[in-house]
Amino acid sequence: MCGIVAAVSRRNIVPILVQGLQRLEYRGYDSCGVAVHAASLGQSQGGLRRARSTARVSELMDQVQADQVEGGTGIAHTRWATHGAPAV
């Protein structure tokens, strides 16, 4: 079953989004992802930053930390593929 979590704040909301996904894990999923608007924290890079995984949410958190995905506005999801195979 799919799940969606979204947040807006003046601080980095990625940990909050990932925690929301962890709370949805019991529902089952085959992939997950997070996307944030980086400019909302005043970063010079700006734009959309994202991370996706076909593994557990804990793997997604590792990827988010490695890629330094941060933002103040964002959305995260879990997906149960009903059409097509899971892909990153």
Protein backbone atom coordinates (compact mmCIF):
# COMPACT_ATOMS: atom_id res chain seq x y z
CA MET A 1 0.00 0.00 0.00
CA CYS A 2 1.32 3.47 -0.84
CA GLY A 3 1.86 6.23 1.69
CA ILE A 4 2.71 9.94 1.48
CA VAL A 5 4.23 12.31 4.03
CA ALA A 6 4.80 16.04 3.47
CA ALA A 7 6.18 18.88 5.58
CA VAL A 8 7.06 22.58 5.46
CA SER A 9 9.37 24.25 7.97
CA ARG A 10 12.17 26.78 8.37
CA ARG A 11 14.54 23.96 9.30
CA ASN A 12 15.63 20.78 7.54
CA ILE A 13 12.57 18.51 7.34
CA VAL A 14 14.23 15.45 5.77
CA PRO A 15 14.58 13.59 9.12
CA ILE A 16 10.88 14.25 9.80
CA LEU A 17 9.90 12.94 6.36
CA VAL A 18 12.00 9.79 6.78
CA GLN A 19 10.57 9.20 10.26
CA GLY A 20 7.10 9.46 8.72
CA LEU A 21 8.06 6.77 6.20
CA GLN A 22 9.38 4.56 8.99
CA ARG A 23 5.97 4.77 10.63
CA LEU A 24 4.36 3.63 7.36
CA GLU A 25 6.68 0.63 6.88
CA TYR A 26 4.28 -1.81 8.53
CA ARG A 27 1.89 -1.31 5.61
CA GLY A 28 4.31 -2.89 3.14
CA TYR A 29 6.05 -1.31 0.16
CA ASP A 30 8.66 -2.09 -2.48
CA SER A 31 10.25 1.33 -2.96
CA CYS A 32 10.46 4.69 -1.24
CA GLY A 33 11.73 8.18 -1.92
CA VAL A 34 12.04 11.72 -0.69
CA ALA A 35 12.16 15.03 -2.61
CA VAL A 36 12.80 18.48 -1.14
CA HIS A 37 13.10 22.03 -2.37
CA ALA A 38 16.65 22.91 -1.32
CA ALA A 39 16.34 26.67 -1.83
CA SER A 40 13.78 26.84 0.99
CA LEU A 41 16.71 26.72 3.46
CA GLY A 42 18.59 29.47 1.67
CA GLN A 43 21.07 27.12 0.00
CA SER A 44 22.85 28.54 -3.01
CA GLN A 45 22.31 25.33 -5.02
CA GLY A 46 18.54 25.59 -4.81
CA GLY A 47 16.25 23.43 -6.88
CA LEU A 48 14.82 20.01 -6.26
CA ARG A 49 16.92 17.40 -4.44
CA ARG A 50 15.78 13.78 -4.23
CA ALA A 51 16.76 10.32 -3.10
CA ARG A 52 15.08 7.01 -3.99
CA SER A 53 15.49 3.42 -2.87
CA THR A 54 14.09 -0.01 -3.66
CA ALA A 55 15.28 -1.19 -0.25
CA ARG A 56 14.25 -0.37 3.32
CA VAL A 57 13.64 3.17 4.58
CA SER A 58 16.87 2.87 6.61
CA GLU A 59 18.73 2.51 3.29
CA LEU A 60 16.99 5.66 2.06
CA MET A 61 18.19 7.54 5.16
CA ASP A 62 21.78 6.44 4.45
CA GLN A 63 21.44 7.71 0.88
CA VAL A 64 19.93 11.03 2.05
CA GLN A 65 22.87 11.56 4.41
CA ALA A 66 25.47 10.58 1.79
CA ASP A 67 23.94 12.91 -0.83
CA GLN A 68 23.35 15.68 1.76
CA VAL A 69 19.70 16.07 0.78
CA GLU A 70 18.28 18.93 2.88
CA GLY A 71 15.35 21.29 2.51
CA GLY A 72 12.54 23.04 4.32
CA THR A 73 9.74 21.95 1.99
CA GLY A 74 9.35 18.37 0.88
CA ILE A 75 7.44 15.18 0.29
CA ALA A 76 8.23 11.52 0.84
CA HIS A 77 6.48 8.34 -0.30
CA THR A 78 6.35 4.58 -0.11
CA ARG A 79 5.12 2.71 -3.16
CA TRP A 80 3.65 -0.71 -3.72
CA ALA A 81 4.08 -1.38 -7.45
CA THR A 82 0.82 -2.40 -9.07
CA HIS A 83 2.07 -1.67 -12.60
CA GLY A 84 5.67 -2.26 -13.60
CA ALA A 85 8.67 -3.33 -11.58
CA PRO A 86 10.20 -1.15 -8.85
CA ALA A 87 13.01 0.98 -10.24
CA VAL A 88 15.38 3.58 -8.88
